[in-house]
N, C-alpha and C. Protein backbone atom coordinates (compact mmCIF):
# COMPACT_ATOMS: atom_id res chain seq x y z
N UNK A 1 0.84 -1.20 0.00
CA UNK A 1 0.00 0.00 0.00
C UNK A 1 0.88 1.25 0.00
N UNK A 2 0.38 2.33 -0.55
CA UNK A 2 1.12 3.57 -0.66
C UNK A 2 1.23 4.27 0.69
N UNK A 3 2.29 5.07 0.86
CA UNK A 3 2.46 5.89 2.06
C UNK A 3 1.88 7.29 1.88
N UNK A 4 1.19 7.54 0.77
CA UNK A 4 0.56 8.84 0.56
C UNK A 4 -0.46 9.08 1.66
N UNK A 5 -0.44 10.24 2.34
CA UNK A 5 -1.37 10.46 3.46
C UNK A 5 -2.81 10.54 3.00
N UNK A 6 -3.70 10.16 3.90
CA UNK A 6 -5.12 10.23 3.60
C UNK A 6 -5.61 11.65 3.73
N UNK A 7 -6.74 11.98 3.08
CA UNK A 7 -7.33 13.30 3.24
C UNK A 7 -7.68 13.55 4.70
N UNK A 8 -7.55 14.78 5.19
CA UNK A 8 -7.83 15.05 6.60
C UNK A 8 -9.30 14.92 6.95
N UNK A 9 -10.19 15.00 5.98
CA UNK A 9 -11.61 14.90 6.24
C UNK A 9 -12.20 13.81 5.35
N UNK A 10 -13.38 13.35 5.74
CA UNK A 10 -14.06 12.32 4.95
C UNK A 10 -14.81 12.96 3.79
N UNK A 11 -14.06 13.70 2.99
CA UNK A 11 -14.66 14.34 1.82
C UNK A 11 -14.89 13.29 0.75
N UNK A 12 -15.72 13.66 -0.23
CA UNK A 12 -15.99 12.74 -1.33
C UNK A 12 -14.67 12.40 -2.02
N UNK A 13 -14.49 11.12 -2.30
CA UNK A 13 -13.25 10.62 -2.89
C UNK A 13 -13.58 10.09 -4.27
N UNK A 14 -12.77 10.45 -5.26
CA UNK A 14 -13.00 9.88 -6.58
C UNK A 14 -12.02 8.74 -6.81
N UNK A 15 -12.17 8.06 -7.94
CA UNK A 15 -11.35 6.89 -8.22
C UNK A 15 -9.87 7.24 -8.29
N UNK A 16 -9.54 8.37 -8.90
CA UNK A 16 -8.14 8.75 -9.04
C UNK A 16 -7.48 8.98 -7.68
N UNK A 17 -8.20 9.62 -6.77
CA UNK A 17 -7.66 9.86 -5.44
C UNK A 17 -7.51 8.56 -4.68
N UNK A 18 -8.49 7.67 -4.80
CA UNK A 18 -8.38 6.35 -4.18
C UNK A 18 -7.13 5.63 -4.68
N UNK A 19 -6.89 5.69 -5.99
CA UNK A 19 -5.73 5.01 -6.55
C UNK A 19 -4.44 5.61 -6.01
N UNK A 20 -4.40 6.93 -5.88
CA UNK A 20 -3.21 7.58 -5.34
C UNK A 20 -2.97 7.20 -3.87
N UNK A 21 -4.03 7.09 -3.12
CA UNK A 21 -3.91 6.76 -1.70
C UNK A 21 -3.46 5.33 -1.47
N UNK A 22 -3.93 4.42 -2.30
CA UNK A 22 -3.69 2.99 -2.08
C UNK A 22 -2.55 2.42 -2.91
N UNK A 23 -2.19 3.08 -4.00
CA UNK A 23 -1.23 2.50 -4.91
C UNK A 23 -1.81 1.38 -5.75
N UNK A 24 -3.14 1.32 -5.84
CA UNK A 24 -3.79 0.27 -6.64
C UNK A 24 -3.38 0.37 -8.10
N UNK A 25 -3.21 -0.78 -8.75
CA UNK A 25 -2.84 -0.81 -10.15
C UNK A 25 -4.05 -0.50 -11.03
N UNK A 26 -3.80 -0.25 -12.31
CA UNK A 26 -4.91 0.00 -13.23
C UNK A 26 -5.82 -1.22 -13.33
N UNK A 27 -5.23 -2.42 -13.26
CA UNK A 27 -6.04 -3.65 -13.31
C UNK A 27 -6.92 -3.75 -12.07
N UNK A 28 -6.37 -3.46 -10.92
CA UNK A 28 -7.17 -3.48 -9.68
C UNK A 28 -8.28 -2.43 -9.72
N UNK A 29 -7.98 -1.27 -10.27
CA UNK A 29 -9.01 -0.23 -10.38
C UNK A 29 -10.13 -0.66 -11.32
N UNK A 30 -9.78 -1.35 -12.38
CA UNK A 30 -10.81 -1.86 -13.30
C UNK A 30 -11.69 -2.88 -12.59
N UNK A 31 -11.08 -3.74 -11.78
CA UNK A 31 -11.87 -4.72 -11.01
C UNK A 31 -12.78 -4.01 -10.00
N UNK A 32 -12.26 -3.00 -9.33
CA UNK A 32 -13.07 -2.27 -8.37
C UNK A 32 -14.24 -1.55 -9.04
N UNK A 33 -14.00 -1.00 -10.22
CA UNK A 33 -15.07 -0.34 -10.95
C UNK A 33 -16.14 -1.34 -11.39
N UNK A 34 -15.71 -2.52 -11.81
CA UNK A 34 -16.71 -3.55 -12.17
C UNK A 34 -17.50 -3.98 -10.94
N UNK A 35 -16.82 -4.12 -9.81
CA UNK A 35 -17.50 -4.43 -8.55
C UNK A 35 -18.52 -3.34 -8.22
N UNK A 36 -18.12 -2.08 -8.39
CA UNK A 36 -19.03 -0.97 -8.10
C UNK A 36 -20.29 -1.05 -8.96
N UNK A 37 -20.11 -1.33 -10.23
CA UNK A 37 -21.26 -1.43 -11.13
C UNK A 37 -22.16 -2.60 -10.76
N UNK A 38 -21.56 -3.72 -10.38
CA UNK A 38 -22.36 -4.88 -9.96
C UNK A 38 -23.09 -4.59 -8.65
N UNK A 39 -22.47 -3.80 -7.78
CA UNK A 39 -23.12 -3.42 -6.53
C UNK A 39 -24.34 -2.55 -6.80
N UNK A 40 -24.20 -1.58 -7.71
CA UNK A 40 -25.33 -0.72 -8.06
C UNK A 40 -26.47 -1.56 -8.62
N UNK A 41 -26.14 -2.49 -9.51
CA UNK A 41 -27.16 -3.36 -10.11
C UNK A 41 -27.80 -4.26 -9.06
N UNK A 42 -26.97 -4.87 -8.20
CA UNK A 42 -27.49 -5.77 -7.18
C UNK A 42 -28.32 -5.04 -6.14
N UNK A 43 -27.93 -3.82 -5.84
CA UNK A 43 -28.64 -3.05 -4.80
C UNK A 43 -30.04 -2.65 -5.25
N UNK A 44 -30.27 -2.68 -6.54
CA UNK A 44 -31.59 -2.34 -7.06
C UNK A 44 -32.62 -3.43 -6.78
N UNK A 45 -32.13 -4.65 -6.49
CA UNK A 45 -33.06 -5.76 -6.27
C UNK A 45 -32.96 -6.37 -4.88
N UNK A 46 -31.94 -5.99 -4.10
CA UNK A 46 -31.82 -6.47 -2.73
C UNK A 46 -31.10 -5.43 -1.89
N UNK A 47 -31.27 -5.53 -0.59
CA UNK A 47 -30.67 -4.57 0.33
C UNK A 47 -29.24 -4.96 0.64
N UNK A 48 -28.28 -4.39 -0.11
CA UNK A 48 -26.87 -4.67 0.10
C UNK A 48 -26.20 -3.56 0.91
N UNK A 49 -26.39 -2.32 0.46
CA UNK A 49 -25.89 -1.14 1.17
C UNK A 49 -26.97 -0.06 1.09
N UNK A 50 -26.86 0.95 1.95
CA UNK A 50 -27.79 2.06 1.86
C UNK A 50 -27.65 2.76 0.52
N UNK A 51 -28.74 2.94 -0.23
CA UNK A 51 -28.65 3.57 -1.55
C UNK A 51 -27.96 4.92 -1.53
N UNK A 52 -28.11 5.66 -0.45
CA UNK A 52 -27.50 7.00 -0.37
C UNK A 52 -25.98 6.94 -0.31
N UNK A 53 -25.42 5.75 0.02
CA UNK A 53 -23.95 5.64 0.11
C UNK A 53 -23.30 5.31 -1.22
N UNK A 54 -24.08 4.92 -2.22
CA UNK A 54 -23.49 4.49 -3.49
C UNK A 54 -22.70 5.60 -4.21
N UNK A 55 -23.17 6.87 -4.20
CA UNK A 55 -22.37 7.90 -4.85
C UNK A 55 -21.01 8.13 -4.19
N UNK A 56 -20.88 7.72 -2.93
CA UNK A 56 -19.62 7.88 -2.21
C UNK A 56 -18.88 6.55 -2.11
N UNK A 57 -19.02 5.72 -3.13
CA UNK A 57 -18.43 4.38 -3.12
C UNK A 57 -16.94 4.40 -2.79
N UNK A 58 -16.19 5.31 -3.41
CA UNK A 58 -14.73 5.24 -3.29
C UNK A 58 -14.25 5.56 -1.88
N UNK A 59 -14.94 6.41 -1.15
CA UNK A 59 -14.54 6.68 0.23
C UNK A 59 -15.27 5.77 1.21
N UNK A 60 -16.59 5.77 1.13
CA UNK A 60 -17.43 5.11 2.13
C UNK A 60 -17.23 3.60 2.14
N UNK A 61 -16.96 3.04 0.98
CA UNK A 61 -16.87 1.59 0.89
C UNK A 61 -15.46 1.10 0.53
N UNK A 62 -14.91 1.60 -0.59
CA UNK A 62 -13.61 1.09 -1.06
C UNK A 62 -12.46 1.51 -0.14
N UNK A 63 -12.32 2.80 0.14
CA UNK A 63 -11.22 3.28 0.98
C UNK A 63 -11.40 2.82 2.43
N UNK A 64 -12.64 2.81 2.90
CA UNK A 64 -12.91 2.33 4.25
C UNK A 64 -12.39 0.90 4.42
N UNK A 65 -12.56 0.07 3.39
CA UNK A 65 -12.09 -1.31 3.42
C UNK A 65 -10.59 -1.42 3.20
N UNK A 66 -10.09 -0.71 2.20
CA UNK A 66 -8.68 -0.84 1.80
C UNK A 66 -7.72 -0.37 2.88
N UNK A 67 -8.15 0.56 3.73
CA UNK A 67 -7.24 1.09 4.76
C UNK A 67 -6.71 -0.01 5.69
N UNK A 68 -7.43 -1.13 5.80
CA UNK A 68 -6.98 -2.20 6.69
C UNK A 68 -5.63 -2.77 6.25
N UNK A 69 -5.36 -2.76 4.95
CA UNK A 69 -4.10 -3.32 4.46
C UNK A 69 -2.90 -2.49 4.89
N UNK A 70 -3.11 -1.22 5.21
CA UNK A 70 -2.00 -0.41 5.71
C UNK A 70 -1.53 -0.89 7.08
N UNK A 71 -2.46 -1.44 7.85
CA UNK A 71 -2.13 -1.88 9.20
C UNK A 71 -1.41 -3.22 9.21
N UNK A 72 -1.73 -4.07 8.24
CA UNK A 72 -1.14 -5.42 8.20
C UNK A 72 -0.81 -5.79 6.75
N UNK A 73 0.15 -5.10 6.15
CA UNK A 73 0.45 -5.37 4.73
C UNK A 73 0.94 -6.78 4.48
N UNK A 74 1.41 -7.46 5.54
CA UNK A 74 1.91 -8.83 5.37
C UNK A 74 0.81 -9.88 5.45
N UNK A 75 -0.39 -9.52 5.89
CA UNK A 75 -1.47 -10.48 6.08
C UNK A 75 -1.98 -10.98 4.73
N UNK A 76 -2.15 -12.29 4.63
CA UNK A 76 -2.60 -12.90 3.37
C UNK A 76 -3.94 -13.60 3.50
N UNK A 77 -4.27 -14.10 4.69
CA UNK A 77 -5.52 -14.83 4.87
C UNK A 77 -6.43 -14.06 5.82
N UNK A 78 -7.66 -13.86 5.39
CA UNK A 78 -8.62 -13.05 6.12
C UNK A 78 -9.95 -13.78 6.22
N UNK A 79 -10.69 -13.51 7.29
CA UNK A 79 -12.08 -13.93 7.40
C UNK A 79 -12.92 -12.69 7.63
N UNK A 80 -13.87 -12.44 6.75
CA UNK A 80 -14.78 -11.29 6.85
C UNK A 80 -16.12 -11.81 7.34
N UNK A 81 -16.45 -11.49 8.60
CA UNK A 81 -17.67 -12.00 9.22
C UNK A 81 -18.86 -11.12 8.88
N UNK A 82 -19.97 -11.74 8.49
CA UNK A 82 -21.12 -10.96 8.06
C UNK A 82 -20.77 -10.15 6.82
N UNK A 83 -20.22 -10.84 5.83
CA UNK A 83 -19.60 -10.17 4.67
C UNK A 83 -20.57 -9.28 3.90
N UNK A 84 -21.87 -9.58 3.92
CA UNK A 84 -22.86 -8.71 3.31
C UNK A 84 -22.61 -8.42 1.85
N UNK A 85 -22.37 -7.14 1.54
CA UNK A 85 -22.11 -6.72 0.17
C UNK A 85 -20.66 -6.88 -0.25
N UNK A 86 -19.81 -7.33 0.69
CA UNK A 86 -18.41 -7.56 0.34
C UNK A 86 -17.45 -6.54 0.87
N UNK A 87 -17.85 -5.83 1.93
CA UNK A 87 -16.96 -4.85 2.54
C UNK A 87 -16.65 -5.27 3.97
N UNK A 88 -15.38 -5.43 4.28
CA UNK A 88 -14.21 -5.13 3.45
C UNK A 88 -13.73 -6.27 2.55
N UNK A 89 -14.33 -7.47 2.65
CA UNK A 89 -13.75 -8.66 2.07
C UNK A 89 -13.45 -8.63 0.58
N UNK A 90 -14.42 -8.21 -0.24
CA UNK A 90 -14.18 -8.21 -1.69
C UNK A 90 -13.15 -7.17 -2.10
N UNK A 91 -13.14 -6.04 -1.44
CA UNK A 91 -12.11 -5.03 -1.74
C UNK A 91 -10.73 -5.59 -1.42
N UNK A 92 -10.59 -6.23 -0.28
CA UNK A 92 -9.31 -6.85 0.08
C UNK A 92 -8.92 -7.92 -0.93
N UNK A 93 -9.90 -8.71 -1.37
CA UNK A 93 -9.61 -9.76 -2.34
C UNK A 93 -9.11 -9.18 -3.66
N UNK A 94 -9.70 -8.08 -4.09
CA UNK A 94 -9.25 -7.43 -5.33
C UNK A 94 -7.82 -6.94 -5.18
N UNK A 95 -7.52 -6.33 -4.05
CA UNK A 95 -6.18 -5.77 -3.85
C UNK A 95 -5.13 -6.84 -3.58
N UNK A 96 -5.55 -8.03 -3.16
CA UNK A 96 -4.61 -9.12 -2.89
C UNK A 96 -4.59 -10.17 -4.00
N UNK A 97 -5.42 -9.99 -5.03
CA UNK A 97 -5.43 -10.96 -6.13
C UNK A 97 -4.05 -11.05 -6.76
N UNK A 98 -3.57 -12.25 -6.91
CA UNK A 98 -2.25 -12.47 -7.49
C UNK A 98 -1.14 -12.59 -6.47
N UNK A 99 -1.43 -12.26 -5.21
CA UNK A 99 -0.44 -12.41 -4.15
C UNK A 99 -0.40 -13.89 -3.74
N UNK A 100 0.76 -14.54 -3.80
CA UNK A 100 0.83 -15.96 -3.45
C UNK A 100 0.31 -16.21 -2.03
N UNK A 101 -0.58 -17.18 -1.92
CA UNK A 101 -1.12 -17.56 -0.61
C UNK A 101 -2.29 -16.73 -0.14
N UNK A 102 -2.70 -15.71 -0.89
CA UNK A 102 -3.80 -14.85 -0.46
C UNK A 102 -5.12 -15.62 -0.53
N UNK A 103 -5.94 -15.47 0.52
CA UNK A 103 -7.25 -16.13 0.55
C UNK A 103 -8.16 -15.33 1.48
N UNK A 104 -9.32 -14.96 0.97
CA UNK A 104 -10.29 -14.20 1.76
C UNK A 104 -11.52 -15.07 1.96
N UNK A 105 -11.87 -15.35 3.20
CA UNK A 105 -13.05 -16.13 3.53
C UNK A 105 -14.20 -15.16 3.82
N UNK A 106 -15.25 -15.25 3.04
CA UNK A 106 -16.43 -14.40 3.21
C UNK A 106 -17.50 -15.22 3.91
N UNK A 107 -17.83 -14.83 5.12
CA UNK A 107 -18.77 -15.58 5.95
C UNK A 107 -20.08 -14.81 6.02
N UNK A 108 -21.14 -15.38 5.47
CA UNK A 108 -22.41 -14.67 5.36
C UNK A 108 -23.57 -15.67 5.51
N UNK A 109 -24.49 -15.39 6.43
CA UNK A 109 -25.57 -16.32 6.71
C UNK A 109 -26.75 -16.20 5.76
N UNK A 110 -26.87 -15.09 5.02
CA UNK A 110 -28.00 -14.90 4.11
C UNK A 110 -27.65 -15.42 2.71
N UNK A 111 -28.41 -16.38 2.24
CA UNK A 111 -28.10 -17.03 0.96
C UNK A 111 -28.10 -16.06 -0.22
N UNK A 112 -29.04 -15.11 -0.25
CA UNK A 112 -29.10 -14.21 -1.41
C UNK A 112 -27.88 -13.30 -1.46
N UNK A 113 -27.35 -12.93 -0.31
CA UNK A 113 -26.13 -12.14 -0.31
C UNK A 113 -24.93 -12.99 -0.73
N UNK A 114 -24.94 -14.26 -0.35
CA UNK A 114 -23.88 -15.15 -0.81
C UNK A 114 -23.89 -15.28 -2.33
N UNK A 115 -25.08 -15.30 -2.91
CA UNK A 115 -25.16 -15.39 -4.38
C UNK A 115 -24.55 -14.15 -5.03
N UNK A 116 -24.77 -12.98 -4.43
CA UNK A 116 -24.14 -11.77 -4.95
C UNK A 116 -22.62 -11.85 -4.82
N UNK A 117 -22.14 -12.27 -3.66
CA UNK A 117 -20.70 -12.39 -3.44
C UNK A 117 -20.08 -13.37 -4.44
N UNK A 118 -20.77 -14.48 -4.68
CA UNK A 118 -20.29 -15.49 -5.64
C UNK A 118 -20.22 -14.92 -7.04
N UNK A 119 -21.22 -14.12 -7.42
CA UNK A 119 -21.25 -13.54 -8.76
C UNK A 119 -20.06 -12.61 -8.98
N UNK A 120 -19.78 -11.77 -7.98
CA UNK A 120 -18.64 -10.85 -8.10
C UNK A 120 -17.33 -11.63 -8.12
N UNK A 121 -17.20 -12.59 -7.21
CA UNK A 121 -15.96 -13.37 -7.12
C UNK A 121 -15.67 -14.10 -8.42
N UNK A 122 -16.72 -14.66 -9.05
CA UNK A 122 -16.52 -15.38 -10.30
C UNK A 122 -16.20 -14.42 -11.44
N UNK A 123 -16.90 -13.29 -11.49
CA UNK A 123 -16.67 -12.33 -12.57
C UNK A 123 -15.25 -11.77 -12.55
N UNK A 124 -14.71 -11.62 -11.34
CA UNK A 124 -13.39 -10.99 -11.21
C UNK A 124 -12.28 -11.99 -10.90
N UNK A 125 -12.64 -13.28 -10.82
CA UNK A 125 -11.65 -14.33 -10.54
C UNK A 125 -10.86 -14.02 -9.27
N UNK A 126 -11.58 -13.86 -8.18
CA UNK A 126 -10.97 -13.43 -6.92
C UNK A 126 -10.59 -14.62 -6.04
N UNK A 127 -9.56 -14.45 -5.20
CA UNK A 127 -9.12 -15.52 -4.30
C UNK A 127 -9.97 -15.58 -3.04
N UNK A 128 -11.24 -15.94 -3.21
CA UNK A 128 -12.16 -15.96 -2.08
C UNK A 128 -12.78 -17.34 -1.92
N UNK A 129 -13.24 -17.59 -0.70
CA UNK A 129 -14.06 -18.76 -0.39
C UNK A 129 -15.27 -18.25 0.37
N UNK A 130 -16.45 -18.61 -0.09
CA UNK A 130 -17.69 -18.10 0.49
C UNK A 130 -18.34 -19.18 1.35
N UNK A 131 -18.67 -18.80 2.57
CA UNK A 131 -19.26 -19.73 3.53
C UNK A 131 -20.67 -19.24 3.88
N UNK A 132 -21.67 -19.95 3.44
CA UNK A 132 -23.05 -19.60 3.77
C UNK A 132 -23.38 -20.20 5.14
N UNK A 133 -22.79 -19.60 6.16
CA UNK A 133 -22.92 -20.09 7.53
C UNK A 133 -22.93 -18.92 8.50
N UNK A 134 -23.30 -19.18 9.73
CA UNK A 134 -23.17 -18.20 10.79
C UNK A 134 -21.71 -18.13 11.22
N UNK A 135 -21.23 -16.93 11.52
CA UNK A 135 -19.81 -16.73 11.82
C UNK A 135 -19.34 -17.61 12.97
N UNK A 136 -20.19 -17.76 14.00
CA UNK A 136 -19.79 -18.50 15.19
C UNK A 136 -19.75 -20.01 14.95
N UNK A 137 -20.24 -20.46 13.79
CA UNK A 137 -20.22 -21.89 13.49
C UNK A 137 -18.95 -22.32 12.76
N UNK A 138 -18.06 -21.37 12.50
CA UNK A 138 -16.79 -21.68 11.84
C UNK A 138 -15.64 -21.30 12.78
N UNK A 139 -14.50 -21.94 12.58
CA UNK A 139 -13.30 -21.57 13.34
C UNK A 139 -12.09 -21.72 12.42
N UNK A 140 -12.05 -20.88 11.42
CA UNK A 140 -10.99 -20.95 10.42
C UNK A 140 -9.68 -20.41 10.98
N UNK A 141 -8.59 -20.93 10.46
CA UNK A 141 -7.26 -20.41 10.81
C UNK A 141 -6.87 -19.35 9.78
N UNK A 142 -6.85 -18.10 10.20
CA UNK A 142 -6.53 -16.98 9.31
C UNK A 142 -5.60 -16.01 10.03
N UNK A 143 -4.98 -15.14 9.25
CA UNK A 143 -4.14 -14.10 9.85
C UNK A 143 -4.99 -13.04 10.54
N UNK A 144 -6.09 -12.63 9.86
CA UNK A 144 -6.92 -11.53 10.34
C UNK A 144 -8.39 -11.92 10.27
N UNK A 145 -9.12 -11.61 11.33
CA UNK A 145 -10.59 -11.69 11.29
C UNK A 145 -11.11 -10.27 11.34
N UNK A 146 -12.06 -9.96 10.47
CA UNK A 146 -12.55 -8.59 10.35
C UNK A 146 -14.07 -8.60 10.18
N UNK A 147 -14.65 -7.43 10.31
CA UNK A 147 -16.09 -7.27 10.09
C UNK A 147 -16.40 -5.79 10.02
N UNK A 148 -17.48 -5.48 9.31
CA UNK A 148 -17.97 -4.10 9.24
C UNK A 148 -19.49 -4.14 9.28
N UNK A 149 -20.09 -3.33 10.15
CA UNK A 149 -21.55 -3.24 10.26
C UNK A 149 -22.17 -4.61 10.47
N UNK A 150 -21.54 -5.42 11.30
CA UNK A 150 -22.00 -6.79 11.51
C UNK A 150 -22.85 -6.91 12.77
N UNK A 151 -22.36 -6.39 13.90
CA UNK A 151 -23.06 -6.54 15.18
C UNK A 151 -22.38 -5.65 16.21
N UNK A 152 -23.06 -5.33 17.32
CA UNK A 152 -22.39 -4.63 18.43
C UNK A 152 -21.20 -5.45 18.92
N UNK A 153 -20.23 -4.78 19.54
CA UNK A 153 -18.98 -5.44 19.89
C UNK A 153 -19.16 -6.63 20.81
N UNK A 154 -20.10 -6.59 21.75
CA UNK A 154 -20.28 -7.73 22.65
C UNK A 154 -20.55 -9.00 21.85
N UNK A 155 -21.47 -8.93 20.88
CA UNK A 155 -21.78 -10.09 20.06
C UNK A 155 -20.68 -10.38 19.04
N UNK A 156 -20.12 -9.32 18.47
CA UNK A 156 -19.08 -9.49 17.45
C UNK A 156 -17.87 -10.21 18.02
N UNK A 157 -17.50 -9.91 19.25
CA UNK A 157 -16.38 -10.61 19.87
C UNK A 157 -16.70 -12.09 20.06
N UNK A 158 -17.96 -12.39 20.34
CA UNK A 158 -18.37 -13.80 20.42
C UNK A 158 -18.22 -14.50 19.09
N UNK A 159 -18.61 -13.80 18.01
CA UNK A 159 -18.44 -14.37 16.67
C UNK A 159 -16.96 -14.58 16.34
N UNK A 160 -16.13 -13.62 16.76
CA UNK A 160 -14.71 -13.65 16.40
C UNK A 160 -13.85 -14.53 17.28
N UNK A 161 -14.35 -14.90 18.46
CA UNK A 161 -13.53 -15.64 19.41
C UNK A 161 -12.91 -16.92 18.83
N UNK A 162 -13.67 -17.76 18.08
CA UNK A 162 -13.05 -18.98 17.55
C UNK A 162 -11.85 -18.70 16.65
N UNK A 163 -11.88 -17.61 15.90
CA UNK A 163 -10.79 -17.23 15.00
C UNK A 163 -9.60 -16.70 15.81
N UNK A 164 -9.92 -15.87 16.81
CA UNK A 164 -8.87 -15.30 17.67
C UNK A 164 -8.17 -16.40 18.45
N UNK A 165 -8.91 -17.41 18.89
CA UNK A 165 -8.31 -18.52 19.63
C UNK A 165 -7.33 -19.30 18.76
N UNK A 166 -7.54 -19.27 17.45
CA UNK A 166 -6.64 -19.96 16.53
C UNK A 166 -5.49 -19.07 16.08
N UNK A 167 -5.35 -17.91 16.69
CA UNK A 167 -4.19 -17.06 16.42
C UNK A 167 -4.43 -15.85 15.55
N UNK A 168 -5.69 -15.63 15.14
CA UNK A 168 -5.98 -14.46 14.30
C UNK A 168 -5.88 -13.17 15.12
N UNK A 169 -5.64 -12.11 14.45
CA UNK A 169 -5.74 -10.76 15.00
C UNK A 169 -7.05 -10.17 14.50
N UNK A 170 -7.75 -9.45 15.36
CA UNK A 170 -9.02 -8.85 14.96
C UNK A 170 -8.88 -7.40 14.56
N UNK A 171 -9.44 -7.04 13.42
CA UNK A 171 -9.50 -5.64 12.97
C UNK A 171 -10.95 -5.37 12.57
N UNK A 172 -11.67 -4.70 13.46
CA UNK A 172 -13.11 -4.51 13.27
C UNK A 172 -13.42 -3.04 13.03
N UNK A 173 -14.08 -2.75 11.91
CA UNK A 173 -14.44 -1.39 11.54
C UNK A 173 -15.71 -0.98 12.28
N UNK A 174 -15.61 0.09 13.06
CA UNK A 174 -16.75 0.54 13.86
C UNK A 174 -16.95 2.05 13.69
N UNK A 175 -18.14 2.51 14.12
CA UNK A 175 -18.50 3.91 13.98
C UNK A 175 -18.29 4.71 15.24
N UNK A 176 -19.04 5.79 15.36
CA UNK A 176 -18.80 6.76 16.43
C UNK A 176 -19.21 6.26 17.82
N UNK A 177 -19.95 5.16 17.89
CA UNK A 177 -20.39 4.62 19.18
C UNK A 177 -19.44 3.58 19.74
N UNK A 178 -18.24 3.48 19.18
CA UNK A 178 -17.35 2.40 19.56
C UNK A 178 -16.95 2.44 21.03
N UNK A 179 -16.77 3.61 21.61
CA UNK A 179 -16.34 3.68 23.01
C UNK A 179 -17.40 3.07 23.92
N UNK A 180 -18.65 3.43 23.70
CA UNK A 180 -19.72 2.85 24.52
C UNK A 180 -19.87 1.36 24.24
N UNK A 181 -19.66 0.94 22.99
CA UNK A 181 -19.73 -0.49 22.66
C UNK A 181 -18.63 -1.27 23.38
N UNK A 182 -17.43 -0.70 23.45
CA UNK A 182 -16.33 -1.39 24.12
C UNK A 182 -16.57 -1.45 25.63
N UNK A 183 -17.14 -0.39 26.18
CA UNK A 183 -17.45 -0.39 27.61
C UNK A 183 -18.46 -1.49 27.93
N UNK A 184 -19.46 -1.63 27.08
CA UNK A 184 -20.45 -2.68 27.29
C UNK A 184 -19.82 -4.06 27.11
N UNK A 185 -18.97 -4.19 26.09
CA UNK A 185 -18.33 -5.48 25.82
C UNK A 185 -17.42 -5.91 26.97
N UNK A 186 -16.80 -4.94 27.65
CA UNK A 186 -15.88 -5.26 28.74
C UNK A 186 -16.58 -5.90 29.94
N UNK A 187 -17.90 -5.82 29.97
CA UNK A 187 -18.65 -6.50 31.04
C UNK A 187 -18.66 -8.01 30.83
N UNK A 188 -18.50 -8.43 29.60
CA UNK A 188 -18.53 -9.86 29.26
C UNK A 188 -17.18 -10.42 28.86
N UNK A 189 -16.28 -9.53 28.43
CA UNK A 189 -15.00 -9.97 27.88
C UNK A 189 -13.84 -9.23 28.52
N UNK A 190 -12.70 -9.92 28.64
CA UNK A 190 -11.43 -9.27 28.95
C UNK A 190 -10.71 -9.13 27.61
N UNK A 191 -10.50 -7.90 27.20
CA UNK A 191 -10.05 -7.63 25.83
C UNK A 191 -8.73 -6.89 25.83
N UNK A 192 -7.78 -7.37 25.08
CA UNK A 192 -6.54 -6.64 24.82
C UNK A 192 -6.70 -5.98 23.46
N UNK A 193 -6.84 -4.66 23.47
CA UNK A 193 -7.14 -3.97 22.21
C UNK A 193 -6.63 -2.54 22.22
N UNK A 194 -6.67 -1.94 21.04
CA UNK A 194 -6.43 -0.50 20.89
C UNK A 194 -7.37 0.01 19.82
N UNK A 195 -7.65 1.30 19.88
CA UNK A 195 -8.49 1.94 18.87
C UNK A 195 -7.60 2.73 17.92
N UNK A 196 -7.87 2.57 16.63
CA UNK A 196 -7.12 3.26 15.58
C UNK A 196 -8.09 4.11 14.79
N UNK A 197 -7.81 5.39 14.65
CA UNK A 197 -8.70 6.27 13.92
C UNK A 197 -8.86 5.86 12.47
N UNK A 198 -10.09 5.88 11.99
CA UNK A 198 -10.36 5.54 10.60
C UNK A 198 -9.85 6.64 9.67
N UNK A 199 -9.30 6.22 8.53
CA UNK A 199 -8.84 7.17 7.53
C UNK A 199 -9.96 7.61 6.59
N UNK A 200 -11.08 6.89 6.61
CA UNK A 200 -12.17 7.22 5.70
C UNK A 200 -13.24 8.09 6.35
N UNK A 201 -13.27 8.13 7.69
CA UNK A 201 -14.30 8.88 8.41
C UNK A 201 -13.74 9.28 9.76
N UNK A 202 -13.62 10.58 10.04
CA UNK A 202 -13.05 11.01 11.32
C UNK A 202 -13.85 10.55 12.53
N UNK A 203 -15.08 10.13 12.32
CA UNK A 203 -15.90 9.62 13.43
C UNK A 203 -15.68 8.14 13.68
N UNK A 204 -15.06 7.44 12.75
CA UNK A 204 -14.91 6.00 12.83
C UNK A 204 -13.64 5.57 13.52
N UNK A 205 -13.63 4.31 13.96
CA UNK A 205 -12.47 3.70 14.60
C UNK A 205 -12.32 2.26 14.11
N UNK A 206 -11.10 1.79 14.14
CA UNK A 206 -10.81 0.38 13.91
C UNK A 206 -10.42 -0.22 15.26
N UNK A 207 -11.14 -1.26 15.68
CA UNK A 207 -10.82 -1.93 16.93
C UNK A 207 -9.82 -3.05 16.62
N UNK A 208 -8.61 -2.89 17.12
CA UNK A 208 -7.51 -3.82 16.88
C UNK A 208 -7.41 -4.75 18.10
N UNK A 209 -7.87 -5.98 17.95
CA UNK A 209 -7.95 -6.93 19.07
C UNK A 209 -6.85 -7.98 18.93
N UNK A 210 -6.03 -8.08 19.98
CA UNK A 210 -4.94 -9.06 19.99
C UNK A 210 -5.14 -10.14 21.04
N UNK A 211 -6.06 -9.93 21.97
CA UNK A 211 -6.30 -10.93 22.99
C UNK A 211 -7.72 -10.86 23.49
N UNK A 212 -8.33 -12.02 23.77
CA UNK A 212 -9.73 -12.04 24.17
C UNK A 212 -10.02 -13.27 25.02
N UNK A 213 -10.60 -13.05 26.19
CA UNK A 213 -11.07 -14.14 27.04
C UNK A 213 -12.39 -13.71 27.68
N UNK A 214 -13.17 -14.69 28.11
CA UNK A 214 -14.41 -14.38 28.82
C UNK A 214 -14.08 -13.74 30.17
N UNK A 215 -14.81 -12.70 30.50
CA UNK A 215 -14.58 -12.00 31.77
C UNK A 215 -15.03 -12.89 32.92
């Protein structure tokens, strides 16, 4: 990933600025644009993302997802819990396509969303594996377990615990309520974590979890 600094505010981001921030290749940008078009088409027939967020795809969805690679550029295997429309999982898969050993596990309990994820993965030949299961029913061995807009932290940590027990590091994208969510989660969990400011939204945080046990 590029060392070019992120914009100081969550202003609208266009494709060229996203490419400058991430160092994405022209091939990766073409894949991301095709994903964007498929998302617009899919969103017209099912609830994948809020329609109002589609014009801000490059910041709200693509950059929000891609920023995770700056934190762990060496990570090759990921599990995206509650993968939904593919954020961050499909964006990570596009940026890691062609990297030896790269594999993104997309875990999604809703079959219709899995069909959308499968369509994108096949169209773009991405290094993904799609699991139509509940997150807590799997315990994959991965470098990183992640999620965005999946569940409050108390429940999300329960979903992520099997992965963390197998040695994964947790990187969870959260919004402005993260402090209260972590306070609530600490009633049930003993958590070794830090908060990292989001580069896509000054109100957002990334919860970086390295240790987790039941309180």
